[in-house]
Amino acid sequence: MRELDRRGRPLQDLRISVTDRCNFRCAYCTPRHGRELQLLPHADLLTFEEMARLARVFVTLGVQKVRLTGGEPLVRPSVENLVALLADIPGLGDIAMTTNGALLTPRKAKLLREAGLHRVTISLDALDEDLFSRINGVGFPACKVLEAVEAAATAGLTPIKINMVVKRGLNDDAILDMAGFFRKSDHVLRFIEYMDAGNINGWRPEDVVPAAEILARISEVWPLEPLKPTRFGEVATRYGYRDGQGEIGVVASVTQPFCRTCTRARLSPEGQLFTCLFGHEGTDLRALLRDGRSDAEIGAAILDTWHARSDHYSELRTDGAQPSGAAKVEMFHIGG
């Protein structure tokens, strides 16, 4: 029996943010404002064993896939040890990771694969070195991210997805360059509408490049056709090149909300359970862990939270019913 929330959505995906720290300062996530980010003390973070225990409970409730996020998950030392713990969970069919690739060396990719990681998604918002350096805020070169893509492919962390957040006036001129570079590869490039995640990225509606515009620009050069989804709850809408030279995806949370099929729970680094990327308050699972509660009691708390879930922020935003200035958890805290 699947566990459903108040809008009839099943619990089947868990995203674990292993840290709120990141070695990038991307404009759409952690822009520099002349002040340091408020980050968690290391003592507040869940241990890998605590994360794995919670994941095991989630799997008993219907979760089929775990994705490790951040912050940047690879800045947390020996994260492959967490992967190994997750790989031992019966019934967990898919373990993935989203990373900026800066620390994904051939050796690290091999360690992650040997520990049980199935695949990676790598963020890359432009190929032009000057532009990408400005976007990531720390001068990291795009060529090094491409090396990380190759390292992941060699290690077998496939299929690889490449995430490009598109912001008007920043990198929308790079859409065709990115599409042309990846379209004959085995990797799936995904274009993500710039979202109002968190409170510090200065989001404005006029900065959003709608998915329809992205698709139109690409189709003028390389015609596209829609593809069927691979699973319920898939966030990206899939399109294939008509000449058979690969596929792309578009994640259109702003202009084409997919709240009705959202199946994701999110666990923050300090053990707060959030039921929406745009949520504000979480359920404290760390307190239950450290208070000696049983798996059954923790599972009951998770189910209480999921059964009460009615989040549909993106639909409310699109309908104009979402209050402006509403506080939200930062994206670097619970992952994109």
C-alpha atoms as a PDB file:
ATOM      1  CA  MET A   1       0.000   0.000   0.000  1.00  0.00           C
ATOM      2  CA  ARG A   2       1.365   3.389  -1.014  1.00  0.00           C
ATOM      3  CA  GLU A   3       1.371   6.214   1.517  1.00  0.00           C
ATOM      4  CA  LEU A   4      -0.469   9.228   0.076  1.00  0.00           C
ATOM      5  CA  ASP A   5      -0.537  12.861   1.120  1.00  0.00           C
ATOM      6  CA  ARG A   6      -3.688  15.008   1.226  1.00  0.00           C
ATOM      7  CA  ARG A   7      -3.456  15.614  -2.531  1.00  0.00           C
ATOM      8  CA  GLY A   8      -3.097  11.912  -3.375  1.00  0.00           C
ATOM      9  CA  ARG A   9       0.668  11.955  -4.026  1.00  0.00           C
ATOM     10  CA  PRO A  10       2.717   8.893  -3.030  1.00  0.00           C
ATOM     11  CA  LEU A  11       5.923   8.994  -1.019  1.00  0.00           C
ATOM     12  CA  GLN A  12       8.575   7.476  -3.292  1.00  0.00           C
ATOM     13  CA  ASP A  13      11.632   9.767  -3.378  1.00  0.00           C
ATOM     14  CA  LEU A  14      13.936  11.023  -0.634  1.00  0.00           C
ATOM     15  CA  ARG A  15      16.492  13.779  -1.079  1.00  0.00           C
ATOM     16  CA  ILE A  16      19.141  13.946   1.619  1.00  0.00           C
ATOM     17  CA  SER A  17      21.125  17.149   1.950  1.00  0.00           C
ATOM     18  CA  VAL A  18      24.365  15.950   3.548  1.00  0.00           C
ATOM     19  CA  THR A  19      25.702  19.463   4.184  1.00  0.00           C
ATOM     20  CA  ASP A  20      24.691  23.099   3.742  1.00  0.00           C
ATOM     21  CA  ARG A  21      28.242  24.046   2.740  1.00  0.00           C
ATOM     22  CA  CYS A  22      29.319  24.588  -0.853  1.00  0.00           C
ATOM     23  CA  ASN A  23      32.558  25.496  -2.589  1.00  0.00           C
ATOM     24  CA  PHE A  24      30.662  27.586  -5.159  1.00  0.00           C
ATOM     25  CA  ARG A  25      28.673  30.804  -4.717  1.00  0.00           C
ATOM     26  CA  CYS A  26      26.297  30.564  -7.662  1.00  0.00           C
ATOM     27  CA  ALA A  27      24.144  33.598  -8.355  1.00  0.00           C
ATOM     28  CA  TYR A  28      20.863  31.642  -8.298  1.00  0.00           C
ATOM     29  CA  CYS A  29      21.564  29.819  -5.025  1.00  0.00           C
ATOM     30  CA  THR A  30      24.202  31.387  -2.741  1.00  0.00           C
ATOM     31  CA  PRO A  31      25.060  34.811  -4.189  1.00  0.00           C
ATOM     32  CA  ARG A  32      27.521  37.032  -2.392  1.00  0.00           C
ATOM     33  CA  HIS A  33      25.896  39.897  -0.503  1.00  0.00           C
ATOM     34  CA  GLY A  34      28.909  41.192   1.387  1.00  0.00           C
ATOM     35  CA  ARG A  35      28.134  38.852   4.287  1.00  0.00           C
ATOM     36  CA  GLU A  36      28.756  35.255   5.134  1.00  0.00           C
ATOM     37  CA  LEU A  37      26.010  32.682   4.939  1.00  0.00           C
ATOM     38  CA  GLN A  38      24.550  31.404   8.184  1.00  0.00           C
ATOM     39  CA  LEU A  39      25.745  27.798   8.160  1.00  0.00           C
ATOM     40  CA  LEU A  40      25.170  24.974  10.600  1.00  0.00           C
ATOM     41  CA  PRO A  41      27.813  24.043  13.181  1.00  0.00           C
ATOM     42  CA  HIS A  42      29.327  20.672  12.326  1.00  0.00           C
ATOM     43  CA  ALA A  43      27.988  19.224  15.596  1.00  0.00           C
ATOM     44  CA  ASP A  44      24.428  19.873  14.425  1.00  0.00           C
ATOM     45  CA  LEU A  45      24.737  17.694  11.324  1.00  0.00           C
ATOM     46  CA  LEU A  46      23.315  14.207  11.227  1.00  0.00           C
ATOM     47  CA  THR A  47      25.955  11.504  11.193  1.00  0.00           C
ATOM     48  CA  PHE A  48      26.083   9.194   8.190  1.00  0.00           C
ATOM     49  CA  GLU A  49      24.712   6.422  10.371  1.00  0.00           C
ATOM     50  CA  GLU A  50      21.749   8.592  11.363  1.00  0.00           C
ATOM     51  CA  MET A  51      21.065   9.492   7.725  1.00  0.00           C
ATOM     52  CA  ALA A  52      21.201   5.846   6.723  1.00  0.00           C
ATOM     53  CA  ARG A  53      18.870   4.832   9.542  1.00  0.00           C
ATOM     54  CA  LEU A  54      16.326   7.424   8.495  1.00  0.00           C
ATOM     55  CA  ALA A  55      16.658   6.349   4.862  1.00  0.00           C
ATOM     56  CA  ARG A  56      15.996   2.752   5.910  1.00  0.00           C
ATOM     57  CA  VAL A  57      12.782   3.864   7.642  1.00  0.00           C
ATOM     58  CA  PHE A  58      11.734   5.865   4.571  1.00  0.00           C
ATOM     59  CA  VAL A  59      12.243   2.805   2.366  1.00  0.00           C
ATOM     60  CA  THR A  60       9.869   0.793   4.552  1.00  0.00           C
ATOM     61  CA  LEU A  61       7.291   3.521   3.879  1.00  0.00           C
ATOM     62  CA  GLY A  62       7.597   3.331   0.093  1.00  0.00           C
ATOM     63  CA  VAL A  63      10.683   5.334  -0.891  1.00  0.00           C
ATOM     64  CA  GLN A  64      12.397   3.772  -3.901  1.00  0.00           C
ATOM     65  CA  LYS A  65      15.070   6.347  -4.709  1.00  0.00           C
ATOM     66  CA  VAL A  66      17.505   8.402  -2.628  1.00  0.00           C
ATOM     67  CA  ARG A  67      19.381  11.399  -4.016  1.00  0.00           C
ATOM     68  CA  LEU A  68      22.281  12.983  -2.137  1.00  0.00           C
ATOM     69  CA  THR A  69      22.439  16.754  -2.413  1.00  0.00           C
ATOM     70  CA  GLY A  70      23.712  19.787  -0.512  1.00  0.00           C
ATOM     71  CA  GLY A  71      25.109  22.346  -0.514  1.00  0.00           C
ATOM     72  CA  GLU A  72      27.763  20.411  -2.326  1.00  0.00           C
ATOM     73  CA  PRO A  73      27.720  16.816  -1.094  1.00  0.00           C
ATOM     74  CA  LEU A  74      31.364  16.147  -1.978  1.00  0.00           C
ATOM     75  CA  VAL A  75      32.656  18.785   0.450  1.00  0.00           C
ATOM     76  CA  ARG A  76      31.592  16.469   3.271  1.00  0.00           C
ATOM     77  CA  PRO A  77      34.566  14.150   3.869  1.00  0.00           C
ATOM     78  CA  SER A  78      34.243  10.470   2.954  1.00  0.00           C
ATOM     79  CA  VAL A  79      30.664  10.777   1.688  1.00  0.00           C
ATOM     80  CA  GLU A  80      31.234   7.440  -0.059  1.00  0.00           C
ATOM     81  CA  ASN A  81      30.859   5.893   3.407  1.00  0.00           C
ATOM     82  CA  LEU A  82      27.272   7.143   3.479  1.00  0.00           C
ATOM     83  CA  VAL A  83      26.711   5.706   0.012  1.00  0.00           C
ATOM     84  CA  ALA A  84      27.918   2.318   1.242  1.00  0.00           C
ATOM     85  CA  LEU A  85      25.473   2.421   4.162  1.00  0.00           C
ATOM     86  CA  LEU A  86      22.616   3.284   1.810  1.00  0.00           C
ATOM     87  CA  ALA A  87      23.594   0.523  -0.599  1.00  0.00           C
ATOM     88  CA  ASP A  88      23.002  -2.024   2.178  1.00  0.00           C
ATOM     89  CA  ILE A  89      19.336  -1.049   2.566  1.00  0.00           C
ATOM     90  CA  PRO A  90      17.038  -3.783   1.194  1.00  0.00           C
ATOM     91  CA  GLY A  91      14.518  -2.459  -1.316  1.00  0.00           C
ATOM     92  CA  LEU A  92      16.344   0.753  -2.177  1.00  0.00           C
ATOM     93  CA  GLY A  93      16.582   0.612  -5.947  1.00  0.00           C
ATOM     94  CA  ASP A  94      18.370   3.818  -6.892  1.00  0.00           C
ATOM     95  CA  ILE A  95      21.052   5.957  -5.243  1.00  0.00           C
ATOM     96  CA  ALA A  96      22.001   9.153  -7.071  1.00  0.00           C
ATOM     97  CA  MET A  97      23.909  12.350  -6.352  1.00  0.00           C
ATOM     98  CA  THR A  98      23.758  15.943  -7.568  1.00  0.00           C
ATOM     99  CA  THR A  99      27.143  17.675  -7.575  1.00  0.00           C
ATOM    100  CA  ASN A 100      28.872  20.685  -9.094  1.00  0.00           C
ATOM    101  CA  GLY A 101      31.707  18.378 -10.101  1.00  0.00           C
ATOM    102  CA  ALA A 102      34.538  20.439  -8.649  1.00  0.00           C
ATOM    103  CA  LEU A 103      35.655  17.588  -6.373  1.00  0.00           C
ATOM    104  CA  LEU A 104      34.594  14.706  -8.612  1.00  0.00           C
ATOM    105  CA  THR A 105      38.036  13.421  -9.538  1.00  0.00           C
ATOM    106  CA  PRO A 106      38.551  10.044 -11.242  1.00  0.00           C
ATOM    107  CA  ARG A 107      39.536   8.547  -7.875  1.00  0.00           C
ATOM    108  CA  LYS A 108      36.457   9.967  -6.107  1.00  0.00           C
ATOM    109  CA  ALA A 109      34.164   8.792  -8.886  1.00  0.00           C
ATOM    110  CA  LYS A 110      35.614   5.285  -8.608  1.00  0.00           C
ATOM    111  CA  LEU A 111      35.187   5.265  -4.817  1.00  0.00           C
ATOM    112  CA  LEU A 112      31.564   6.376  -5.112  1.00  0.00           C
ATOM    113  CA  ARG A 113      30.768   3.742  -7.719  1.00  0.00           C
ATOM    114  CA  GLU A 114      32.422   0.993  -5.708  1.00  0.00           C
ATOM    115  CA  ALA A 115      30.446   2.094  -2.638  1.00  0.00           C
ATOM    116  CA  GLY A 116      27.176   1.665  -4.523  1.00  0.00           C
ATOM    117  CA  LEU A 117      26.308   5.022  -6.107  1.00  0.00           C
ATOM    118  CA  HIS A 118      24.404   4.427  -9.335  1.00  0.00           C
ATOM    119  CA  ARG A 119      24.559   7.766 -11.159  1.00  0.00           C
ATOM    120  CA  VAL A 120      25.278  11.459 -10.897  1.00  0.00           C
ATOM    121  CA  THR A 121      23.772  14.724 -12.034  1.00  0.00           C
ATOM    122  CA  ILE A 122      26.369  17.440 -12.619  1.00  0.00           C
ATOM    123  CA  SER A 123      25.615  21.165 -12.663  1.00  0.00           C
ATOM    124  CA  LEU A 124      27.081  23.209 -15.531  1.00  0.00           C
ATOM    125  CA  ASP A 125      25.505  26.537 -16.472  1.00  0.00           C
ATOM    126  CA  ALA A 126      27.762  27.572 -19.379  1.00  0.00           C
ATOM    127  CA  LEU A 127      30.736  26.416 -21.430  1.00  0.00           C
ATOM    128  CA  ASP A 128      32.291  29.846 -21.847  1.00  0.00           C
ATOM    129  CA  GLU A 129      35.000  30.108 -19.204  1.00  0.00           C
ATOM    130  CA  ASP A 130      34.486  33.775 -18.322  1.00  0.00           C
ATOM    131  CA  LEU A 131      30.725  33.393 -18.043  1.00  0.00           C
ATOM    132  CA  PHE A 132      30.876  30.192 -16.008  1.00  0.00           C
ATOM    133  CA  SER A 133      33.474  31.728 -13.718  1.00  0.00           C
ATOM    134  CA  ARG A 134      31.124  34.627 -13.004  1.00  0.00           C
ATOM    135  CA  ILE A 135      28.147  32.348 -12.431  1.00  0.00           C
ATOM    136  CA  ASN A 136      29.863  30.067  -9.914  1.00  0.00           C
ATOM    137  CA  GLY A 137      31.308  33.076  -8.083  1.00  0.00           C
ATOM    138  CA  VAL A 138      34.678  31.484  -7.300  1.00  0.00           C
ATOM    139  CA  GLY A 139      36.381  31.419 -10.694  1.00  0.00           C
ATOM    140  CA  PHE A 140      36.102  27.656 -11.176  1.00  0.00           C
ATOM    141  CA  PRO A 141      36.729  26.657 -14.827  1.00  0.00           C
ATOM    142  CA  ALA A 142      34.103  24.918 -16.952  1.00  0.00           C
ATOM    143  CA  CYS A 143      36.755  22.642 -18.440  1.00  0.00           C
ATOM    144  CA  LYS A 144      37.266  21.085 -14.996  1.00  0.00           C
ATOM    145  CA  VAL A 145      33.561  20.299 -14.740  1.00  0.00           C
ATOM    146  CA  LEU A 146      33.757  18.616 -18.141  1.00  0.00           C
ATOM    147  CA  GLU A 147      36.642  16.542 -16.774  1.00  0.00           C
ATOM    148  CA  ALA A 148      34.348  15.526 -13.900  1.00  0.00           C
ATOM    149  CA  VAL A 149      31.718  14.430 -16.427  1.00  0.00           C
ATOM    150  CA  GLU A 150      34.290  12.204 -18.100  1.00  0.00           C
ATOM    151  CA  ALA A 151      35.442  10.834 -14.745  1.00  0.00           C
ATOM    152  CA  ALA A 152      31.867   9.926 -13.862  1.00  0.00           C
ATOM    153  CA  ALA A 153      31.317   8.256 -17.231  1.00  0.00           C
ATOM    154  CA  THR A 154      34.520   6.242 -16.918  1.00  0.00           C
ATOM    155  CA  ALA A 155      33.525   5.094 -13.427  1.00  0.00           C
ATOM    156  CA  GLY A 156      30.105   3.974 -14.665  1.00  0.00           C
ATOM    157  CA  LEU A 157      28.026   6.587 -12.833  1.00  0.00           C
ATOM    158  CA  THR A 158      25.578   6.678 -15.692  1.00  0.00           C
ATOM    159  CA  PRO A 159      23.297   7.826 -17.190  1.00  0.00           C
ATOM    160  CA  ILE A 160      24.715  11.274 -16.467  1.00  0.00           C
ATOM    161  CA  LYS A 161      22.451  14.313 -16.428  1.00  0.00           C
ATOM    162  CA  ILE A 162      23.770  17.844 -16.853  1.00  0.00           C
ATOM    163  CA  ASN A 163      21.781  20.590 -15.116  1.00  0.00           C
ATOM    164  CA  MET A 164      21.775  24.120 -16.544  1.00  0.00           C
ATOM    165  CA  VAL A 165      19.850  26.800 -14.642  1.00  0.00           C
ATOM    166  CA  VAL A 166      18.836  29.442 -17.183  1.00  0.00           C
ATOM    167  CA  LYS A 167      18.561  33.086 -16.146  1.00  0.00           C
ATOM    168  CA  ARG A 168      17.638  35.788 -18.621  1.00  0.00           C
ATOM    169  CA  GLY A 169      20.417  38.245 -19.285  1.00  0.00           C
ATOM    170  CA  LEU A 170      22.959  35.997 -17.581  1.00  0.00           C
ATOM    171  CA  ASN A 171      23.356  32.789 -19.549  1.00  0.00           C
ATOM    172  CA  ASP A 172      20.329  32.419 -21.838  1.00  0.00           C
ATOM    173  CA  ASP A 173      22.616  33.154 -24.792  1.00  0.00           C
ATOM    174  CA  ALA A 174      24.435  29.917 -23.917  1.00  0.00           C
ATOM    175  CA  ILE A 175      21.408  27.663 -24.480  1.00  0.00           C
ATOM    176  CA  LEU A 176      22.349  26.675 -28.034  1.00  0.00           C
ATOM    177  CA  ASP A 177      26.040  26.254 -27.192  1.00  0.00           C
ATOM    178  CA  MET A 178      25.134  23.832 -24.416  1.00  0.00           C
ATOM    179  CA  ALA A 179      22.595  21.962 -26.546  1.00  0.00           C
ATOM    180  CA  GLY A 180      25.049  21.638 -29.427  1.00  0.00           C
ATOM    181  CA  PHE A 181      27.847  20.394 -27.178  1.00  0.00           C
ATOM    182  CA  PHE A 182      25.867  17.658 -25.457  1.00  0.00           C
ATOM    183  CA  ARG A 183      23.335  16.584 -28.089  1.00  0.00           C
ATOM    184  CA  LYS A 184      25.491  13.861 -29.637  1.00  0.00           C
ATOM    185  CA  SER A 185      26.716  12.572 -26.296  1.00  0.00           C
ATOM    186  CA  ASP A 186      25.197   9.922 -24.066  1.00  0.00           C
ATOM    187  CA  HIS A 187      24.435  12.576 -21.439  1.00  0.00           C
ATOM    188  CA  VAL A 188      21.048  14.249 -20.936  1.00  0.00           C
ATOM    189  CA  LEU A 189      21.159  18.044 -20.719  1.00  0.00           C
ATOM    190  CA  ARG A 190      18.378  19.503 -18.568  1.00  0.00           C
ATOM    191  CA  PHE A 191      17.375  23.164 -18.748  1.00  0.00           C
ATOM    192  CA  ILE A 192      15.969  24.451 -15.445  1.00  0.00           C
ATOM    193  CA  GLU A 193      13.857  27.572 -15.134  1.00  0.00           C
ATOM    194  CA  TYR A 194      15.328  30.052 -12.654  1.00  0.00           C
ATOM    195  CA  MET A 195      13.284  29.546  -9.463  1.00  0.00           C
ATOM    196  CA  ASP A 196      12.469  31.635  -6.402  1.00  0.00           C
ATOM    197  CA  ALA A 197      14.026  29.085  -4.063  1.00  0.00           C
ATOM    198  CA  GLY A 198      15.089  30.577  -0.745  1.00  0.00           C
ATOM    199  CA  ASN A 199      15.162  34.251   0.115  1.00  0.00           C
ATOM    200  CA  ILE A 200      18.573  35.548  -0.988  1.00  0.00           C
ATOM    201  CA  ASN A 201      18.881  34.974  -4.735  1.00  0.00           C
ATOM    202  CA  GLY A 202      17.082  38.153  -5.820  1.00  0.00           C
ATOM    203  CA  TRP A 203      14.545  36.269  -7.947  1.00  0.00           C
ATOM    204  CA  ARG A 204      12.311  38.287 -10.288  1.00  0.00           C
ATOM    205  CA  PRO A 205       9.707  36.898 -12.718  1.00  0.00           C
ATOM    206  CA  GLU A 206      11.270  38.827 -15.589  1.00  0.00           C
ATOM    207  CA  ASP A 207      14.506  36.874 -15.143  1.00  0.00           C
ATOM    208  CA  VAL A 208      12.787  33.571 -15.937  1.00  0.00           C
ATOM    209  CA  VAL A 209      13.291  32.123 -19.414  1.00  0.00           C
ATOM    210  CA  PRO A 210      10.176  29.972 -19.902  1.00  0.00           C
ATOM    211  CA  ALA A 211      10.640  26.367 -20.929  1.00  0.00           C
ATOM    212  CA  ALA A 212       8.561  27.017 -24.049  1.00  0.00           C
ATOM    213  CA  GLU A 213      11.055  29.674 -25.147  1.00  0.00           C
ATOM    214  CA  ILE A 214      14.013  27.389 -24.457  1.00  0.00           C
ATOM    215  CA  LEU A 215      12.443  24.627 -26.538  1.00  0.00           C
ATOM    216  CA  ALA A 216      11.591  27.039 -29.363  1.00  0.00           C
ATOM    217  CA  ARG A 217      15.160  28.326 -29.554  1.00  0.00           C
ATOM    218  CA  ILE A 218      16.579  24.817 -29.767  1.00  0.00           C
ATOM    219  CA  SER A 219      13.927  23.525 -32.178  1.00  0.00           C
ATOM    220  CA  GLU A 220      14.744  26.271 -34.657  1.00  0.00           C
ATOM    221  CA  VAL A 221      18.174  24.682 -35.079  1.00  0.00           C
ATOM    222  CA  TRP A 222      17.590  21.045 -34.109  1.00  0.00           C
ATOM    223  CA  PRO A 223      13.899  20.024 -34.229  1.00  0.00           C
ATOM    224  CA  LEU A 224      12.604  18.282 -31.111  1.00  0.00           C
ATOM    225  CA  GLU A 225       9.771  15.892 -30.365  1.00  0.00           C
ATOM    226  CA  PRO A 226       8.232  14.987 -26.976  1.00  0.00           C
ATOM    227  CA  LEU A 227       9.166  11.732 -25.275  1.00  0.00           C
ATOM    228  CA  LYS A 228       7.159   9.742 -22.748  1.00  0.00           C
ATOM    229  CA  PRO A 229       8.058  10.061 -19.060  1.00  0.00           C
ATOM    230  CA  THR A 230      10.108   7.214 -17.636  1.00  0.00           C
ATOM    231  CA  ARG A 231       8.330   7.197 -14.264  1.00  0.00           C
ATOM    232  CA  PHE A 232       5.577   8.905 -12.272  1.00  0.00           C
ATOM    233  CA  GLY A 233       6.842  12.005 -10.496  1.00  0.00           C
ATOM    234  CA  GLU A 234       9.599  12.783 -12.988  1.00  0.00           C
ATOM    235  CA  VAL A 235      10.420  16.490 -12.710  1.00  0.00           C
ATOM    236  CA  ALA A 236      11.826  17.001 -16.200  1.00  0.00           C
ATOM    237  CA  THR A 237       9.714  16.880 -19.347  1.00  0.00           C
ATOM    238  CA  ARG A 238      11.662  14.884 -21.933  1.00  0.00           C
ATOM    239  CA  TYR A 239      12.289  15.771 -25.574  1.00  0.00           C
ATOM    240  CA  GLY A 240      14.295  13.929 -28.211  1.00  0.00           C
ATOM    241  CA  TYR A 241      16.067  15.313 -31.252  1.00  0.00           C
ATOM    242  CA  ARG A 242      14.229  14.203 -34.369  1.00  0.00           C
ATOM    243  CA  ASP A 243      17.495  13.195 -35.993  1.00  0.00           C
ATOM    244  CA  GLY A 244      18.108  10.725 -33.163  1.00  0.00           C
ATOM    245  CA  GLN A 245      21.092  12.575 -31.724  1.00  0.00           C
ATOM    246  CA  GLY A 246      20.088  12.387 -28.059  1.00  0.00           C
ATOM    247  CA  GLU A 247      17.554  14.021 -25.749  1.00  0.00           C
ATOM    248  CA  ILE A 248      17.096  16.964 -23.409  1.00  0.00           C
ATOM    249  CA  GLY A 249      14.848  17.732 -20.472  1.00  0.00           C
ATOM    250  CA  VAL A 250      13.203  20.907 -19.220  1.00  0.00           C
ATOM    251  CA  VAL A 251      12.303  21.550 -15.581  1.00  0.00           C
ATOM    252  CA  ALA A 252       9.569  24.189 -15.661  1.00  0.00           C
ATOM    253  CA  SER A 253       8.610  24.693 -12.034  1.00  0.00           C
ATOM    254  CA  VAL A 254       7.696  28.338 -12.662  1.00  0.00           C
ATOM    255  CA  THR A 255       5.682  28.283 -15.899  1.00  0.00           C
ATOM    256  CA  GLN A 256       4.430  24.675 -15.868  1.00  0.00           C
ATOM    257  CA  PRO A 257       4.205  23.588 -12.196  1.00  0.00           C
ATOM    258  CA  PHE A 258       4.332  19.861 -11.526  1.00  0.00           C
ATOM    259  CA  CYS A 259       3.132  19.972  -7.912  1.00  0.00           C
ATOM    260  CA  ARG A 260       0.418  17.411  -8.658  1.00  0.00           C
ATOM    261  CA  THR A 261       2.987  14.691  -9.294  1.00  0.00           C
ATOM    262  CA  CYS A 262       5.577  15.656  -6.659  1.00  0.00           C
ATOM    263  CA  THR A 263       6.613  12.556  -4.715  1.00  0.00           C
ATOM    264  CA  ARG A 264       9.696  13.964  -2.934  1.00  0.00           C
ATOM    265  CA  ALA A 265      10.495  14.277   0.744  1.00  0.00           C
ATOM    266  CA  ARG A 266      13.581  16.284   1.721  1.00  0.00           C
ATOM    267  CA  LEU A 267      15.865  15.731   4.680  1.00  0.00           C
ATOM    268  CA  SER A 268      18.059  18.661   5.749  1.00  0.00           C
ATOM    269  CA  PRO A 269      21.604  18.184   7.092  1.00  0.00           C
ATOM    270  CA  GLU A 270      20.435  18.572  10.694  1.00  0.00           C
ATOM    271  CA  GLY A 271      17.518  16.179  10.310  1.00  0.00           C
ATOM    272  CA  GLN A 272      14.547  18.400   9.480  1.00  0.00           C
ATOM    273  CA  LEU A 273      11.988  16.775   7.193  1.00  0.00           C
ATOM    274  CA  PHE A 274      10.621  19.179   4.561  1.00  0.00           C
ATOM    275  CA  THR A 275       7.818  18.281   2.180  1.00  0.00           C
ATOM    276  CA  CYS A 276       8.453  21.029  -0.382  1.00  0.00           C
ATOM    277  CA  LEU A 277      11.476  22.757  -1.909  1.00  0.00           C
ATOM    278  CA  PHE A 278       9.752  26.041  -1.041  1.00  0.00           C
ATOM    279  CA  GLY A 279       8.817  25.035   2.497  1.00  0.00           C
ATOM    280  CA  HIS A 280       9.520  27.032   5.640  1.00  0.00           C
ATOM    281  CA  GLU A 281       9.193  24.722   8.642  1.00  0.00           C
ATOM    282  CA  GLY A 282      10.319  21.117   8.924  1.00  0.00           C
ATOM    283  CA  THR A 283       9.635  18.167  11.200  1.00  0.00           C
ATOM    284  CA  ASP A 284      12.527  17.470  13.582  1.00  0.00           C
ATOM    285  CA  LEU A 285      13.581  13.855  13.032  1.00  0.00           C
ATOM    286  CA  ARG A 286      16.988  14.304  14.660  1.00  0.00           C
ATOM    287  CA  ALA A 287      15.318  14.866  18.023  1.00  0.00           C
ATOM    288  CA  LEU A 288      13.541  11.536  17.674  1.00  0.00           C
ATOM    289  CA  LEU A 289      16.757   9.762  16.718  1.00  0.00           C
ATOM    290  CA  ARG A 290      18.726  11.147  19.622  1.00  0.00           C
ATOM    291  CA  ASP A 291      15.886  10.639  22.066  1.00  0.00           C
ATOM    292  CA  GLY A 292      16.143   6.911  21.523  1.00  0.00           C
ATOM    293  CA  ARG A 293      12.880   6.465  19.635  1.00  0.00           C
ATOM    294  CA  SER A 294      12.291   3.220  17.741  1.00  0.00           C
ATOM    295  CA  ASP A 295      12.132   2.936  13.956  1.00  0.00           C
ATOM    296  CA  ALA A 296       8.393   2.399  14.270  1.00  0.00           C
ATOM    297  CA  GLU A 297       7.972   5.652  16.210  1.00  0.00           C
ATOM    298  CA  ILE A 298      10.122   7.563  13.722  1.00  0.00           C
ATOM    299  CA  GLY A 299       8.160   6.040  10.857  1.00  0.00           C
ATOM    300  CA  ALA A 300       4.901   7.133  12.464  1.00  0.00           C
ATOM    301  CA  ALA A 301       6.190  10.713  12.715  1.00  0.00           C
ATOM    302  CA  ILE A 302       7.191  10.650   9.048  1.00  0.00           C
ATOM    303  CA  LEU A 303       3.778   9.345   8.044  1.00  0.00           C
ATOM    304  CA  ASP A 304       1.996  11.959  10.136  1.00  0.00           C
ATOM    305  CA  THR A 305       3.943  14.645   8.277  1.00  0.00           C
ATOM    306  CA  TRP A 306       3.370  13.093   4.848  1.00  0.00           C
ATOM    307  CA  HIS A 307      -0.324  12.410   5.377  1.00  0.00           C
ATOM    308  CA  ALA A 308      -0.807  16.069   6.368  1.00  0.00           C
ATOM    309  CA  ARG A 309       1.139  17.330   3.351  1.00  0.00           C
ATOM    310  CA  SER A 310      -0.764  19.654   1.034  1.00  0.00           C
ATOM    311  CA  ASP A 311       2.093  21.726  -0.463  1.00  0.00           C
ATOM    312  CA  HIS A 312       1.595  23.155  -3.938  1.00  0.00           C
ATOM    313  CA  TYR A 313       3.669  26.327  -3.838  1.00  0.00           C
ATOM    314  CA  SER A 314       4.437  26.538  -7.547  1.00  0.00           C
ATOM    315  CA  GLU A 315       0.779  26.252  -8.495  1.00  0.00           C
ATOM    316  CA  LEU A 316      -0.098  29.032  -6.054  1.00  0.00           C
ATOM    317  CA  ARG A 317       2.709  31.198  -7.448  1.00  0.00           C
ATOM    318  CA  THR A 318       1.475  30.698 -10.998  1.00  0.00           C
ATOM    319  CA  ASP A 319      -2.102  31.501  -9.962  1.00  0.00           C
ATOM    320  CA  GLY A 320      -0.967  34.651  -8.143  1.00  0.00           C
ATOM    321  CA  ALA A 321      -2.174  33.262  -4.822  1.00  0.00           C
ATOM    322  CA  GLN A 322       1.233  32.895  -3.171  1.00  0.00           C
ATOM    323  CA  PRO A 323       1.959  35.754  -0.717  1.00  0.00           C
ATOM    324  CA  SER A 324       4.979  37.797  -1.774  1.00  0.00           C
ATOM    325  CA  GLY A 325       7.933  37.735   0.571  1.00  0.00           C
ATOM    326  CA  ALA A 326       6.908  34.448   2.195  1.00  0.00           C
ATOM    327  CA  ALA A 327       9.884  32.986   4.079  1.00  0.00           C
ATOM    328  CA  LYS A 328      11.350  29.809   2.561  1.00  0.00           C
ATOM    329  CA  VAL A 329      14.178  27.486   3.496  1.00  0.00           C
ATOM    330  CA  GLU A 330      17.291  28.240   1.432  1.00  0.00           C
ATOM    331  CA  MET A 331      17.980  25.917  -1.491  1.00  0.00           C
ATOM    332  CA  PHE A 332      21.571  25.304  -0.389  1.00  0.00           C
ATOM    333  CA  HIS A 333      20.129  23.967   2.876  1.00  0.00           C
ATOM    334  CA  ILE A 334      17.841  21.271   1.458  1.00  0.00           C
ATOM    335  CA  GLY A 335      19.046  20.803  -2.120  1.00  0.00           C
ATOM    336  CA  GLY A 336      17.473  21.694  -5.449  1.00  0.00           C
END
